[in-house]
Amino acid sequence: MRPYLAILDSRCRMLLQYRVVALAGIVTQVFWGLLFTAMYRAFYHASKTAQPLNEGQVITYIWLGQAMLLLTFNRPDSELATMISSGAVAYELTRPVDLYNSWLARCAGTKAAPLVLRAIPILLLGGMFFGMATPVSVSAGVLFLISIILGLILAATITTLVTITMLWTISGEGMAALLPPLIYISSGMLIPLPLWPDWVKRIFDWLPFRGLIDTPFRVYLGDFHGIFAARAMAQQVIWILIIVMIGRVTLQRGLRRLVVQGG
């Protein structure tokens, strides 16, 4: 476990240096947060139909989404992609660590550091100036933290799997192009999942991507509580285990067919 924690720590330390990039991301996401807030305020003021979430809950959901936006970004790890395309991945095979675990730790660190840099300021701004509510209870806040950590791990497993698919492709842009729209829609990032029609929600409920955004946010809002929160978070854990298993099998098969260019 120690080598993988060291990899995670080193990736976080390196990426925490990119504060200007984080600042640019914060400005961009605050802009989009204000835009989405205005859109949903207009929707609620014009609609006479009762909605599963009230206006205040949706505004809180929006700002949480802007804070946690990076959980929906699942492009291949750029350094690992370069290693695979150049053949330098052969050096990875000589290291005395489990290859999948080391790649997963890298992906987790790559997500965790920028997420922290962006999320904390956006949450503070949302709470102080833009109508974002605090968790409905202390227990909801604690469960939210646990659920968002599970969401981070789930996002890292998805990114690791996307990176592994590069063993079959030249550029790796296929999965990187196909996944973002699906994740953005089915996670609740574009439209909060409770606002979708029932038949759409039933489909999204079975996909792993709701565990990135919708599950922790519904816990935060108190929409998931008690046994419902436990079931939703258990679903996050189950999908993590499933994707890890798929990733390990895919990596093993990819390494068996790997041919390093030049020899």
Protein backbone atom coordinates (compact mmCIF):
# COMPACT_ATOMS: atom_id res chain seq x y z
CA MET A 1 0.00 0.00 0.00
CA ARG A 2 2.86 2.40 0.78
CA PRO A 3 4.15 2.68 -2.83
CA TYR A 4 0.68 3.56 -4.11
CA LEU A 5 0.13 6.18 -1.41
CA ALA A 6 3.51 7.65 -2.36
CA ILE A 7 2.42 7.83 -6.02
CA LEU A 8 -0.85 9.48 -5.00
CA ASP A 9 0.96 11.95 -2.76
CA SER A 10 3.56 12.87 -5.40
CA ARG A 11 0.88 13.48 -8.05
CA CYS A 12 -1.10 15.68 -5.66
CA ARG A 13 1.99 17.70 -4.66
CA MET A 14 2.95 18.26 -8.28
CA LEU A 15 -0.53 19.34 -9.42
CA LEU A 16 -1.16 21.59 -6.41
CA GLN A 17 1.43 23.94 -7.92
CA TYR A 18 -0.85 24.86 -10.84
CA ARG A 19 -2.74 27.60 -9.01
CA VAL A 20 -3.17 29.89 -12.03
CA VAL A 21 -4.85 27.06 -13.95
CA ALA A 22 -7.12 26.47 -10.96
CA LEU A 23 -7.95 30.19 -10.80
CA ALA A 24 -8.91 30.20 -14.48
CA GLY A 25 -11.10 27.16 -13.87
CA ILE A 26 -12.77 28.82 -10.89
CA VAL A 27 -13.63 31.94 -12.92
CA THR A 28 -15.02 29.81 -15.75
CA GLN A 29 -17.11 27.62 -13.46
CA VAL A 30 -18.49 30.59 -11.51
CA PHE A 31 -19.62 32.05 -14.84
CA TRP A 32 -21.39 28.82 -15.80
CA GLY A 33 -22.81 28.52 -12.29
CA LEU A 34 -24.39 31.97 -12.57
CA LEU A 35 -25.72 31.13 -16.03
CA PHE A 36 -27.29 27.85 -14.91
CA THR A 37 -28.69 29.53 -11.79
CA ALA A 38 -30.40 32.19 -13.90
CA MET A 39 -31.83 29.53 -16.24
CA TYR A 40 -33.28 27.44 -13.43
CA ARG A 41 -34.66 30.47 -11.58
CA ALA A 42 -36.50 31.41 -14.77
CA PHE A 43 -37.73 27.82 -15.14
CA TYR A 44 -39.10 27.67 -11.59
CA HIS A 45 -40.71 31.09 -11.80
CA ALA A 46 -42.45 30.16 -15.06
CA SER A 47 -43.47 26.62 -14.08
CA LYS A 48 -46.61 25.90 -12.08
CA THR A 49 -45.90 22.17 -11.81
CA ALA A 50 -44.47 20.75 -8.59
CA GLN A 51 -40.92 19.49 -9.07
CA PRO A 52 -39.02 16.75 -7.19
CA LEU A 53 -36.50 19.36 -6.03
CA ASN A 54 -37.40 22.89 -5.01
CA GLU A 55 -35.63 25.95 -6.38
CA GLY A 56 -33.22 26.26 -3.47
CA GLN A 57 -32.20 22.61 -3.73
CA VAL A 58 -31.54 22.93 -7.47
CA ILE A 59 -29.39 26.03 -6.95
CA THR A 60 -27.38 24.16 -4.33
CA TYR A 61 -27.11 21.19 -6.72
CA ILE A 62 -25.78 23.53 -9.45
CA TRP A 63 -23.03 25.02 -7.27
CA LEU A 64 -22.03 21.62 -5.98
CA GLY A 65 -21.80 20.56 -9.62
CA GLN A 66 -19.52 23.45 -10.52
CA ALA A 67 -17.31 22.65 -7.54
CA MET A 68 -17.07 18.96 -8.44
CA LEU A 69 -17.04 19.34 -12.23
CA LEU A 70 -13.65 17.63 -12.60
CA LEU A 71 -15.18 14.33 -11.48
CA THR A 72 -16.89 14.17 -14.87
CA PHE A 73 -13.63 14.65 -16.83
CA ASN A 74 -12.30 11.23 -17.74
CA ARG A 75 -9.73 11.74 -20.47
CA PRO A 76 -6.75 9.34 -20.47
CA ASP A 77 -3.83 10.25 -18.21
CA SER A 78 -1.63 12.28 -20.60
CA GLU A 79 1.69 10.95 -19.29
CA LEU A 80 0.56 7.33 -19.42
CA ALA A 81 -0.86 7.94 -22.89
CA THR A 82 2.54 9.19 -24.04
CA MET A 83 4.25 6.19 -22.46
CA ILE A 84 1.93 3.77 -24.26
CA SER A 85 2.22 5.46 -27.66
CA SER A 86 6.01 5.82 -27.43
CA GLY A 87 6.73 2.38 -26.01
CA ALA A 88 8.11 3.77 -22.74
CA VAL A 89 5.37 1.81 -20.98
CA ALA A 90 7.86 -1.07 -21.06
CA TYR A 91 9.66 0.64 -18.18
CA GLU A 92 6.42 0.54 -16.18
CA LEU A 93 6.45 -3.24 -16.47
CA THR A 94 9.83 -3.44 -14.73
CA ARG A 95 8.70 -1.65 -11.58
CA PRO A 96 8.16 -3.86 -8.49
CA VAL A 97 4.55 -2.71 -8.02
CA ASP A 98 1.16 -3.79 -9.27
CA LEU A 99 0.73 -1.93 -12.56
CA TYR A 100 -3.02 -1.43 -12.27
CA ASN A 101 -2.80 -0.11 -8.70
CA SER A 102 -0.02 2.30 -9.63
CA TRP A 103 -2.00 3.66 -12.59
CA LEU A 104 -5.12 3.97 -10.45
CA ALA A 105 -3.14 5.90 -7.81
CA ARG A 106 -1.81 8.23 -10.52
CA CYS A 107 -5.30 8.88 -11.86
CA ALA A 108 -6.68 9.47 -8.36
CA GLY A 109 -3.94 11.99 -7.60
CA THR A 110 -4.42 13.68 -10.96
CA LYS A 111 -8.07 14.27 -10.08
CA ALA A 112 -7.79 14.98 -6.35
CA ALA A 113 -5.39 17.93 -6.38
CA PRO A 114 -7.13 20.09 -9.04
CA LEU A 115 -10.49 19.18 -7.52
CA VAL A 116 -9.48 20.50 -4.09
CA LEU A 117 -7.97 23.68 -5.58
CA ARG A 118 -11.20 24.48 -7.42
CA ALA A 119 -13.88 23.05 -5.15
CA ILE A 120 -13.11 24.89 -1.91
CA PRO A 121 -13.23 28.44 -3.37
CA ILE A 122 -16.33 27.67 -5.44
CA LEU A 123 -18.16 26.20 -2.45
CA LEU A 124 -17.26 29.26 -0.36
CA LEU A 125 -18.40 31.67 -3.10
CA GLY A 126 -21.57 29.68 -3.69
CA GLY A 127 -22.43 29.64 0.00
CA MET A 128 -21.63 33.30 0.68
CA PHE A 129 -22.99 35.02 -2.42
CA PHE A 130 -25.00 32.74 -4.72
CA GLY A 131 -27.63 31.01 -2.59
CA MET A 132 -25.99 27.63 -2.03
CA ALA A 133 -27.32 26.02 1.16
CA THR A 134 -25.33 24.12 3.78
CA PRO A 135 -25.97 20.37 4.29
CA VAL A 136 -29.37 19.66 5.82
CA SER A 137 -27.71 18.08 8.88
CA VAL A 138 -24.33 17.19 10.31
CA SER A 139 -24.88 13.54 9.41
CA ALA A 140 -25.73 14.54 5.83
CA GLY A 141 -22.51 16.53 5.67
CA VAL A 142 -20.45 13.58 6.91
CA LEU A 143 -22.13 11.17 4.49
CA PHE A 144 -21.58 13.68 1.68
CA LEU A 145 -17.83 13.72 2.36
CA ILE A 146 -17.75 9.91 2.32
CA SER A 147 -19.84 9.78 -0.85
CA ILE A 148 -17.72 12.39 -2.65
CA ILE A 149 -14.58 10.41 -1.81
CA LEU A 150 -16.26 7.34 -3.29
CA GLY A 151 -17.15 9.48 -6.32
CA LEU A 152 -13.50 10.48 -6.66
CA ILE A 153 -12.40 6.84 -6.52
CA LEU A 154 -15.09 5.91 -9.05
CA ALA A 155 -13.90 8.69 -11.37
CA ALA A 156 -10.31 7.46 -11.02
CA THR A 157 -11.32 3.90 -11.93
CA ILE A 158 -13.14 5.15 -15.04
CA THR A 159 -10.15 7.27 -16.09
CA THR A 160 -7.82 4.32 -15.52
CA LEU A 161 -10.02 2.11 -17.69
CA VAL A 162 -10.09 4.74 -20.45
CA THR A 163 -6.29 4.97 -20.25
CA ILE A 164 -5.95 1.19 -20.51
CA THR A 165 -8.00 1.19 -23.74
CA MET A 166 -5.10 3.03 -25.36
CA LEU A 167 -3.32 -0.33 -25.51
CA TRP A 168 -5.69 -1.05 -28.42
CA THR A 169 -5.68 2.36 -30.09
CA ILE A 170 -3.18 4.79 -31.54
CA SER A 171 -4.41 8.11 -30.21
CA GLY A 172 -6.88 7.08 -27.53
CA GLU A 173 -9.29 9.80 -28.61
CA GLY A 174 -12.16 7.40 -29.29
CA MET A 175 -13.20 6.67 -25.71
CA ALA A 176 -12.16 10.18 -24.66
CA ALA A 177 -14.62 11.62 -27.19
CA LEU A 178 -17.50 9.19 -26.58
CA LEU A 179 -17.62 9.17 -22.79
CA PRO A 180 -17.89 12.88 -21.81
CA PRO A 181 -21.37 13.54 -23.27
CA LEU A 182 -22.71 10.33 -21.70
CA ILE A 183 -21.16 11.10 -18.32
CA TYR A 184 -22.19 14.75 -18.39
CA ILE A 185 -25.83 13.86 -19.02
CA SER A 186 -26.27 10.68 -16.96
CA SER A 187 -24.34 11.87 -13.90
CA GLY A 188 -26.69 14.80 -13.28
CA MET A 189 -24.16 17.45 -14.25
CA LEU A 190 -26.22 18.89 -17.11
CA ILE A 191 -29.68 18.49 -15.57
CA PRO A 192 -30.23 17.22 -12.00
CA LEU A 193 -31.40 13.62 -12.31
CA PRO A 194 -34.61 14.09 -10.26
CA LEU A 195 -35.86 16.52 -12.95
CA TRP A 196 -35.70 13.91 -15.74
CA PRO A 197 -38.80 11.87 -16.74
CA ASP A 198 -39.24 8.68 -14.71
CA TRP A 199 -38.31 6.33 -17.56
CA VAL A 200 -35.02 8.19 -18.11
CA LYS A 201 -34.23 8.18 -14.39
CA ARG A 202 -34.68 4.41 -14.27
CA ILE A 203 -32.01 4.04 -16.95
CA PHE A 204 -29.60 6.49 -15.31
CA ASP A 205 -30.10 4.86 -11.90
CA TRP A 206 -28.43 1.69 -13.19
CA LEU A 207 -25.43 3.42 -14.73
CA PRO A 208 -22.24 4.00 -12.72
CA PHE A 209 -22.05 7.70 -13.59
CA ARG A 210 -24.73 8.87 -11.16
CA GLY A 211 -22.24 7.95 -8.42
CA LEU A 212 -19.97 10.77 -9.58
CA ILE A 213 -22.40 13.64 -9.10
CA ASP A 214 -26.02 12.79 -8.29
CA THR A 215 -25.51 10.42 -5.36
CA PRO A 216 -23.27 12.67 -3.22
CA PHE A 217 -25.38 15.73 -4.04
CA ARG A 218 -28.66 14.04 -3.11
CA VAL A 219 -27.06 12.97 0.16
CA TYR A 220 -25.98 16.58 0.77
CA LEU A 221 -29.53 17.83 0.10
CA GLY A 222 -31.09 15.19 2.36
CA ASP A 223 -33.00 13.74 -0.59
CA PHE A 224 -31.13 10.49 0.14
CA HIS A 225 -31.13 9.68 3.84
CA GLY A 226 -31.12 6.59 6.03
CA ILE A 227 -31.47 3.36 4.10
CA PHE A 228 -31.74 5.24 0.79
CA ALA A 229 -28.38 6.91 1.33
CA ALA A 230 -26.85 3.57 2.33
CA ARG A 231 -28.16 1.91 -0.84
CA ALA A 232 -26.95 4.72 -3.09
CA MET A 233 -23.47 4.68 -1.54
CA ALA A 234 -23.37 0.88 -1.70
CA GLN A 235 -24.07 1.21 -5.42
CA GLN A 236 -21.02 3.49 -5.69
CA VAL A 237 -18.86 0.82 -4.01
CA ILE A 238 -20.25 -1.95 -6.22
CA TRP A 239 -19.51 0.01 -9.39
CA ILE A 240 -15.99 0.77 -8.17
CA LEU A 241 -15.36 -2.95 -7.68
CA ILE A 242 -16.89 -3.84 -11.06
CA ILE A 243 -14.86 -1.26 -12.96
CA VAL A 244 -11.66 -2.24 -11.13
CA MET A 245 -12.27 -5.86 -12.12
CA ILE A 246 -12.93 -4.89 -15.74
CA GLY A 247 -9.85 -2.68 -15.73
CA ARG A 248 -7.60 -5.44 -14.39
CA VAL A 249 -8.82 -7.98 -16.94
CA THR A 250 -8.50 -5.44 -19.76
CA LEU A 251 -4.97 -4.49 -18.68
CA GLN A 252 -3.86 -8.13 -18.49
CA ARG A 253 -5.18 -8.84 -21.98
CA GLY A 254 -3.67 -5.64 -23.33
CA LEU A 255 -0.23 -6.43 -21.96
CA ARG A 256 -0.31 -9.89 -23.50
CA ARG A 257 -0.75 -8.35 -26.94
CA LEU A 258 1.47 -5.32 -26.38
CA VAL A 259 4.15 -4.75 -29.01
CA VAL A 260 6.61 -1.96 -28.25
CA GLN A 261 7.50 0.00 -31.39
CA GLY A 262 11.11 -0.43 -32.38
CA GLY A 263 11.72 -3.84 -30.80
